[in-house]
Amino acid sequence: MIRLTLLTIIFLVSLLAVFSAPTYHLWLLSIAVAEYAWVFVTIALVLLMAGFVSSGSYQLAGTLLGISAIALFLSPVYRACKLARELPVAMDKALGEHTSKKNSPPFSLWTMLTGFQQKAIPCSTISYRPDTLQSSRMDFYPAQATGLRPCVIVIHGGSWSSGDNKQLPELNTYLSQLGYHVASVNYRLAPAFRNPVPVEDVYAAIDYLRANAEDLQVDTSNFVLLGRSAGAQIALLAAYRQPFPGLKGVIDFYGPADMVWGYSAPANPWVMDSRKVLETYLGGSYKAVPDNYAASSPLEFVNSHSVPTLIIHGKNDVLVAYEHSIRLNNKLAANGIKHFFLSLPWATHGFDYNLNGPGGQLSTYAIKRFLQNVTE
């Protein structure tokens, strides 16, 4: 009976691999379920093996539940393998590139189990404004290559009111190893500061990088913005509202691109009160300050001169609706902008927490290919 109970729990957890999480804490668990599938498969296998050394009236029921759970846990891996076979050609078609550079496969089962081989790269903390405020700091990861190198500016998430530039440093290290400088920036947070203050902070950080380009060995003709969640909204708005010289592209990890529509279609309140988040950032409801919502919607600023864009979003995102990226993708296509939309059917918000997981590997590959295309 204990085995059946545990396998029932494991089966219920495995449903998060295919269905959207209904609560905040289950959303956190769903990231682990999809991106650390092998851990849950191992647990299920151990419980299944226990059935072969004992007998009981519930043995068959438990075994069927365990097998079903393993199949569900492995579904993101299977989907990632299928998507990986199509991704290189799809990116070539979208970006107009047939690179001669040798790239590793988009997804590897071995990498999922052992991880990327990364060496520690020390970063330096720099104040990009002449003050000592935390919001004026950036972490600079120097490119592991000589000469002037492109620079990726990373903007963290956190619902515009929390988080910092220490989030998910593994990608910063990986890009540094590939030969890109990475500047992971802080910005002033809501509710004390509202749109467009974070965007202005990004411009200030870029001004600093330009002014110190010789010392930092930054190629000022090759900047790319990368943002996650709220940071993606900031990155997209900074890229589309006032494109600056040397900006070659923008990378959008599950960002809210249409703030007007987003307010009209809030997230599940058991996961996040998305309307309250927007009101805190923009100073009120859509009815109270409609112009603020339009002015903070990156989609509104897309035109025929917008920079190349990489969109990355999971269909099971329960914090920022997948529809945001569909709308942005359509607007970019209508304006003839070079872009690629990496859609991950199983993934939820924050899936890239694990670079070695199915979503983490595919998104990292897409970023690498996108950077090769727009900066070289």
Protein backbone atom coordinates (compact mmCIF):
# COMPACT_ATOMS: atom_id res chain seq x y z
CA MET A 1 0.00 0.00 0.00
CA ILE A 2 2.89 2.37 0.77
CA ARG A 3 4.39 1.69 -2.66
CA LEU A 4 1.06 2.42 -4.35
CA THR A 5 0.67 5.67 -2.41
CA LEU A 6 4.16 6.85 -3.35
CA LEU A 7 3.69 5.90 -6.99
CA THR A 8 0.35 7.72 -7.03
CA ILE A 9 2.11 10.85 -5.78
CA ILE A 10 4.85 10.42 -8.38
CA PHE A 11 2.23 10.01 -11.09
CA LEU A 12 0.44 13.19 -10.02
CA VAL A 13 3.75 15.06 -10.06
CA SER A 14 4.49 13.72 -13.56
CA LEU A 15 1.34 15.42 -14.85
CA LEU A 16 3.24 18.72 -14.50
CA ALA A 17 5.35 17.62 -17.46
CA VAL A 18 2.36 18.08 -19.76
CA PHE A 19 -0.16 20.29 -17.94
CA SER A 20 0.13 23.86 -16.68
CA ALA A 21 0.75 24.25 -12.95
CA PRO A 22 -2.35 25.44 -11.04
CA THR A 23 -0.53 27.09 -8.09
CA TYR A 24 2.67 29.03 -7.42
CA HIS A 25 4.49 26.21 -5.62
CA LEU A 26 3.47 23.65 -8.21
CA TRP A 27 4.85 26.01 -10.86
CA LEU A 28 8.22 25.85 -9.09
CA LEU A 29 7.97 22.07 -9.03
CA SER A 30 7.04 21.98 -12.72
CA ILE A 31 10.39 23.58 -13.62
CA ALA A 32 12.18 20.70 -11.91
CA VAL A 33 9.88 18.09 -13.45
CA ALA A 34 10.60 19.23 -17.02
CA GLU A 35 14.26 20.18 -16.70
CA TYR A 36 15.48 17.49 -14.26
CA ALA A 37 13.43 14.64 -15.71
CA TRP A 38 16.11 12.03 -15.05
CA VAL A 39 15.89 12.62 -11.29
CA PHE A 40 12.16 11.86 -11.22
CA VAL A 41 12.57 8.90 -13.57
CA THR A 42 15.15 7.46 -11.19
CA ILE A 43 12.79 7.83 -8.23
CA ALA A 44 9.98 6.16 -10.16
CA LEU A 45 12.27 3.30 -11.22
CA VAL A 46 13.35 2.66 -7.63
CA LEU A 47 9.71 2.44 -6.55
CA LEU A 48 8.93 0.15 -9.47
CA MET A 49 11.82 -2.15 -8.59
CA ALA A 50 10.47 -2.42 -5.07
CA GLY A 51 7.47 -4.19 -6.56
CA PHE A 52 9.63 -7.01 -7.89
CA VAL A 53 10.92 -7.96 -4.45
CA SER A 54 7.55 -7.83 -2.70
CA SER A 55 4.02 -8.84 -3.50
CA GLY A 56 0.64 -7.44 -2.67
CA SER A 57 -2.83 -6.83 -3.97
CA TYR A 58 -1.90 -3.34 -5.15
CA GLN A 59 1.27 -4.32 -7.01
CA LEU A 60 -0.18 -4.17 -10.56
CA ALA A 61 -1.92 -0.85 -9.97
CA GLY A 62 1.28 0.67 -8.63
CA THR A 63 3.33 -0.71 -11.52
CA LEU A 64 0.95 0.77 -14.11
CA LEU A 65 1.05 4.15 -12.37
CA GLY A 66 4.85 4.03 -12.24
CA ILE A 67 5.22 3.18 -15.92
CA SER A 68 2.79 5.95 -16.84
CA ALA A 69 4.71 8.43 -14.69
CA ILE A 70 8.02 7.53 -16.34
CA ALA A 71 6.48 8.03 -19.78
CA LEU A 72 5.21 11.47 -18.74
CA PHE A 73 8.51 12.47 -17.14
CA LEU A 74 10.33 11.52 -20.35
CA SER A 75 7.93 13.39 -22.63
CA PRO A 76 9.94 16.68 -22.49
CA VAL A 77 13.09 14.72 -23.36
CA TYR A 78 11.37 13.05 -26.32
CA ARG A 79 9.99 16.38 -27.53
CA ALA A 80 13.40 18.01 -27.14
CA CYS A 81 15.03 15.29 -29.24
CA LYS A 82 12.42 15.80 -31.96
CA LEU A 83 12.78 19.60 -31.89
CA ALA A 84 16.58 19.33 -31.91
CA ARG A 85 16.50 17.49 -35.23
CA GLU A 86 14.56 20.34 -36.84
CA LEU A 87 16.12 23.34 -35.11
CA PRO A 88 19.32 23.93 -37.14
CA VAL A 89 17.48 23.96 -40.47
CA ALA A 90 14.66 26.06 -39.04
CA MET A 91 17.09 28.67 -37.73
CA ASP A 92 18.96 28.72 -41.05
CA LYS A 93 15.69 29.34 -42.86
CA ALA A 94 14.54 32.09 -40.50
CA LEU A 95 17.85 33.91 -40.15
CA GLY A 96 19.13 33.37 -43.67
CA GLU A 97 22.30 31.72 -42.46
CA HIS A 98 24.09 28.55 -43.43
CA THR A 99 26.97 28.85 -41.01
CA SER A 100 30.21 27.09 -41.77
CA LYS A 101 31.05 27.02 -38.09
CA LYS A 102 30.85 23.69 -36.34
CA ASN A 103 28.15 23.75 -33.66
CA SER A 104 27.42 21.10 -31.08
CA PRO A 105 24.06 19.33 -31.36
CA PRO A 106 21.09 21.33 -30.02
CA PHE A 107 20.29 18.62 -27.47
CA SER A 108 22.34 15.82 -25.94
CA LEU A 109 21.20 13.19 -23.47
CA TRP A 110 24.77 12.96 -22.19
CA THR A 111 24.90 16.68 -21.50
CA MET A 112 21.57 16.43 -19.69
CA LEU A 113 23.14 13.94 -17.29
CA THR A 114 26.65 15.36 -16.95
CA GLY A 115 26.25 19.08 -17.66
CA PHE A 116 28.15 21.60 -19.78
CA GLN A 117 31.87 21.63 -19.17
CA GLN A 118 32.48 25.13 -17.82
CA LYS A 119 35.46 26.70 -16.16
CA ALA A 120 35.05 29.37 -13.54
CA ILE A 121 35.30 32.87 -14.99
CA PRO A 122 35.61 35.68 -12.46
CA CYS A 123 33.43 38.69 -13.11
CA SER A 124 34.06 42.23 -11.95
CA THR A 125 31.39 44.42 -10.38
CA ILE A 126 31.26 47.89 -11.92
CA SER A 127 29.17 50.96 -11.16
CA TYR A 128 27.87 52.29 -14.45
CA ARG A 129 26.73 55.51 -12.78
CA PRO A 130 28.82 57.67 -10.41
CA ASP A 131 27.12 56.48 -7.23
CA THR A 132 27.22 53.50 -4.87
CA LEU A 133 23.62 52.35 -5.32
CA GLN A 134 23.02 48.65 -5.94
CA SER A 135 20.81 49.57 -8.90
CA SER A 136 23.79 51.22 -10.63
CA ARG A 137 25.94 48.11 -10.71
CA MET A 138 26.72 45.59 -13.41
CA ASP A 139 28.66 42.34 -13.34
CA PHE A 140 31.06 42.21 -16.25
CA TYR A 141 32.17 38.81 -17.55
CA PRO A 142 35.12 39.32 -19.91
CA ALA A 143 35.19 37.42 -23.18
CA GLN A 144 37.64 34.54 -23.23
CA ALA A 145 39.07 35.74 -26.52
CA THR A 146 41.46 38.50 -27.47
CA GLY A 147 40.72 41.78 -29.21
CA LEU A 148 37.53 43.80 -29.39
CA ARG A 149 34.59 41.48 -28.76
CA PRO A 150 30.78 41.75 -28.97
CA CYS A 151 28.91 42.44 -25.74
CA VAL A 152 25.67 40.84 -24.54
CA ILE A 153 23.77 42.97 -22.02
CA VAL A 154 21.68 40.79 -19.71
CA ILE A 155 18.62 42.21 -17.90
CA HIS A 156 17.20 40.20 -15.01
CA GLY A 157 13.59 39.33 -14.24
CA GLY A 158 11.63 39.70 -11.04
CA SER A 159 8.28 41.34 -11.87
CA TRP A 160 10.06 44.72 -12.12
CA SER A 161 10.12 44.90 -8.30
CA SER A 162 12.70 42.30 -7.25
CA GLY A 163 15.67 40.26 -8.45
CA ASP A 164 19.17 41.33 -9.35
CA ASN A 165 21.97 40.71 -11.81
CA LYS A 166 23.16 37.59 -9.96
CA GLN A 167 20.33 35.57 -11.50
CA LEU A 168 21.26 32.52 -13.58
CA PRO A 169 24.98 33.30 -14.05
CA GLU A 170 25.68 30.02 -15.86
CA LEU A 171 24.63 31.42 -19.25
CA ASN A 172 26.84 34.48 -18.68
CA THR A 173 29.82 32.20 -18.09
CA TYR A 174 28.98 30.09 -21.12
CA LEU A 175 28.75 33.11 -23.43
CA SER A 176 32.00 34.44 -22.02
CA GLN A 177 33.68 31.16 -22.91
CA LEU A 178 32.34 31.52 -26.46
CA GLY A 179 34.08 34.90 -26.80
CA TYR A 180 31.35 37.37 -25.87
CA HIS A 181 31.58 39.97 -23.15
CA VAL A 182 28.56 39.81 -20.86
CA ALA A 183 27.33 42.78 -18.84
CA SER A 184 24.64 41.69 -16.39
CA VAL A 185 22.99 44.88 -15.19
CA ASN A 186 20.88 45.98 -12.26
CA TYR A 187 18.17 48.62 -12.65
CA ARG A 188 15.93 50.67 -10.39
CA LEU A 189 12.92 48.71 -9.15
CA ALA A 190 9.20 49.30 -8.69
CA PRO A 191 7.25 50.61 -6.89
CA ALA A 192 9.75 53.40 -6.20
CA PHE A 193 10.62 53.56 -9.91
CA ARG A 194 8.33 52.87 -12.84
CA ASN A 195 8.53 52.57 -16.61
CA PRO A 196 10.52 53.93 -18.41
CA VAL A 197 13.14 54.27 -15.62
CA PRO A 198 14.53 50.70 -16.06
CA VAL A 199 14.88 51.31 -19.80
CA GLU A 200 16.80 54.52 -19.11
CA ASP A 201 19.06 52.52 -16.78
CA VAL A 202 19.86 50.12 -19.61
CA TYR A 203 20.78 53.05 -21.83
CA ALA A 204 23.02 54.41 -19.03
CA ALA A 205 24.79 51.06 -18.77
CA ILE A 206 25.35 51.06 -22.54
CA ASP A 207 26.74 54.59 -22.37
CA TYR A 208 29.22 53.40 -19.75
CA LEU A 209 30.30 50.45 -21.89
CA ARG A 210 30.78 52.78 -24.84
CA ALA A 211 32.81 55.29 -22.82
CA ASN A 212 35.05 52.51 -21.46
CA ALA A 213 35.14 50.33 -24.55
CA GLU A 214 38.90 50.55 -24.98
CA ASP A 215 39.67 49.40 -21.44
CA LEU A 216 37.02 46.68 -21.50
CA GLN A 217 37.81 45.63 -25.10
CA VAL A 218 34.16 46.01 -26.12
CA ASP A 219 33.28 46.17 -29.80
CA THR A 220 30.77 49.04 -29.76
CA SER A 221 29.40 48.00 -33.14
CA ASN A 222 28.18 44.70 -31.69
CA PHE A 223 25.74 44.96 -28.80
CA VAL A 224 22.93 42.48 -28.13
CA LEU A 225 20.29 42.81 -25.41
CA LEU A 226 19.03 39.74 -23.54
CA GLY A 227 16.23 39.81 -20.98
CA ARG A 228 14.20 37.34 -18.98
CA SER A 229 10.54 37.85 -18.06
CA ALA A 230 10.20 41.47 -16.83
CA GLY A 231 13.78 41.98 -17.99
CA ALA A 232 12.74 40.86 -21.47
CA GLN A 233 10.09 43.59 -21.57
CA ILE A 234 12.81 46.10 -20.64
CA ALA A 235 15.21 44.67 -23.24
CA LEU A 236 12.59 44.68 -26.01
CA LEU A 237 11.47 48.20 -25.20
CA ALA A 238 15.05 49.45 -25.09
CA ALA A 239 15.69 47.80 -28.46
CA TYR A 240 12.54 48.91 -30.27
CA ARG A 241 11.73 52.30 -28.71
CA GLN A 242 15.05 53.99 -29.32
CA PRO A 243 17.52 51.75 -31.17
CA PHE A 244 21.07 52.83 -30.38
CA PRO A 245 24.13 52.64 -32.65
CA GLY A 246 25.75 49.24 -32.61
CA LEU A 247 22.67 47.33 -31.45
CA LYS A 248 22.56 44.14 -33.51
CA GLY A 249 19.71 42.21 -31.90
CA VAL A 250 17.58 41.42 -28.88
CA ILE A 251 16.84 38.10 -27.16
CA ASP A 252 13.49 37.72 -25.41
CA PHE A 253 13.05 34.99 -22.79
CA TYR A 254 9.30 34.70 -22.09
CA GLY A 255 8.75 38.45 -21.87
CA PRO A 256 5.46 40.39 -21.76
CA ALA A 257 5.37 42.10 -25.14
CA ASP A 258 1.81 43.46 -25.10
CA MET A 259 1.08 45.07 -21.74
CA VAL A 260 -2.40 46.21 -22.80
CA TRP A 261 -3.50 42.72 -23.77
CA GLY A 262 -1.66 41.27 -20.75
CA TYR A 263 -3.76 43.33 -18.35
CA SER A 264 -6.95 42.12 -20.03
CA ALA A 265 -5.90 38.45 -19.68
CA PRO A 266 -4.39 38.06 -16.21
CA ALA A 267 -2.56 34.98 -14.95
CA ASN A 268 -4.14 32.45 -12.63
CA PRO A 269 -4.30 34.33 -9.29
CA TRP A 270 -3.24 31.15 -7.44
CA VAL A 271 0.06 31.45 -9.32
CA MET A 272 0.55 35.23 -9.48
CA ASP A 273 -1.58 38.37 -9.25
CA SER A 274 -0.35 39.67 -12.59
CA ARG A 275 -2.65 42.70 -12.61
CA LYS A 276 -1.23 43.88 -9.30
CA VAL A 277 2.29 43.42 -10.70
CA LEU A 278 1.45 45.56 -13.72
CA GLU A 279 -0.28 48.21 -11.62
CA THR A 280 2.76 48.46 -9.33
CA TYR A 281 5.08 48.93 -12.30
CA LEU A 282 2.88 51.29 -14.32
CA GLY A 283 1.19 53.32 -11.59
CA GLY A 284 -2.37 52.05 -11.75
CA SER A 285 -4.88 49.99 -13.64
CA TYR A 286 -5.26 50.12 -17.40
CA LYS A 287 -8.41 52.19 -16.97
CA ALA A 288 -6.52 54.71 -14.82
CA VAL A 289 -3.33 55.05 -16.93
CA PRO A 290 -3.96 53.53 -20.38
CA ASP A 291 -1.15 55.54 -21.99
CA ASN A 292 1.38 53.97 -19.63
CA TYR A 293 0.38 50.50 -20.76
CA ALA A 294 0.73 51.37 -24.43
CA ALA A 295 4.03 53.16 -23.83
CA SER A 296 5.46 50.11 -22.05
CA SER A 297 4.38 47.59 -24.70
CA PRO A 298 7.37 46.64 -26.89
CA LEU A 299 5.02 45.37 -29.58
CA GLU A 300 3.75 48.93 -30.15
CA PHE A 301 7.23 50.07 -31.23
CA VAL A 302 8.00 47.34 -33.77
CA ASN A 303 8.48 48.71 -37.27
CA SER A 304 10.31 47.87 -40.48
CA HIS A 305 13.58 49.12 -39.00
CA SER A 306 13.51 47.02 -35.81
CA VAL A 307 16.52 44.87 -34.96
CA PRO A 308 16.67 41.07 -35.38
CA THR A 309 14.94 39.28 -32.54
CA LEU A 310 15.11 35.87 -30.92
CA ILE A 311 11.95 34.89 -29.00
CA ILE A 312 12.06 31.97 -26.56
CA HIS A 313 8.89 30.90 -24.76
CA GLY A 314 7.29 27.77 -23.31
CA LYS A 315 3.66 26.96 -24.02
CA ASN A 316 3.09 25.94 -20.38
CA ASP A 317 4.13 29.34 -19.03
CA VAL A 318 1.75 30.25 -16.20
CA LEU A 319 3.25 33.65 -15.31
CA VAL A 320 3.67 35.35 -18.69
CA ALA A 321 1.18 34.05 -21.23
CA TYR A 322 2.57 32.36 -24.33
CA GLU A 323 0.24 34.59 -26.33
CA HIS A 324 2.59 37.53 -25.73
CA SER A 325 5.24 35.86 -27.88
CA ILE A 326 2.72 34.83 -30.54
CA ARG A 327 1.66 38.47 -30.86
CA LEU A 328 5.25 39.70 -31.02
CA ASN A 329 6.17 37.02 -33.55
CA ASN A 330 3.26 38.06 -35.79
CA LYS A 331 4.16 41.76 -35.54
CA LEU A 332 7.78 41.09 -36.45
CA ALA A 333 6.72 38.93 -39.38
CA ALA A 334 4.28 41.59 -40.62
CA ASN A 335 7.13 44.14 -40.64
CA GLY A 336 9.61 41.83 -42.34
CA ILE A 337 12.03 41.71 -39.40
CA LYS A 338 14.56 38.90 -39.27
CA HIS A 339 13.61 36.83 -36.23
CA PHE A 340 13.20 33.33 -34.85
CA PHE A 341 10.62 32.02 -32.41
CA LEU A 342 11.81 29.05 -30.35
CA SER A 343 8.59 27.55 -29.03
CA LEU A 344 8.98 24.86 -26.35
CA PRO A 345 5.72 22.89 -25.96
CA TRP A 346 6.50 21.46 -22.51
CA ALA A 347 8.32 24.39 -20.91
CA THR A 348 7.12 26.76 -18.23
CA HIS A 349 8.32 30.13 -16.95
CA GLY A 350 11.94 29.99 -15.79
CA PHE A 351 12.73 26.71 -17.56
CA ASP A 352 16.26 27.97 -18.32
CA TYR A 353 17.17 27.68 -14.63
CA ASN A 354 18.92 24.48 -15.72
CA LEU A 355 21.09 24.96 -18.81
CA ASN A 356 21.50 21.19 -19.06
CA GLY A 357 17.80 20.37 -19.23
CA PRO A 358 15.82 19.96 -22.46
CA GLY A 359 14.69 23.61 -22.58
CA GLY A 360 17.99 24.90 -21.27
CA GLN A 361 20.04 23.15 -23.95
CA LEU A 362 17.78 24.14 -26.83
CA SER A 363 17.57 27.78 -25.77
CA THR A 364 21.34 27.97 -25.26
CA TYR A 365 21.90 26.54 -28.73
CA ALA A 366 19.45 29.05 -30.23
CA ILE A 367 21.21 31.94 -28.49
CA LYS A 368 24.59 30.77 -29.76
CA ARG A 369 23.33 30.52 -33.34
CA PHE A 370 21.54 33.87 -33.12
CA LEU A 371 24.66 35.63 -31.81
CA GLN A 372 26.75 34.10 -34.56
CA ASN A 373 24.31 35.40 -37.10
CA VAL A 374 23.87 38.98 -35.90
CA THR A 375 27.34 39.82 -34.56
CA GLU A 376 29.75 38.13 -36.95
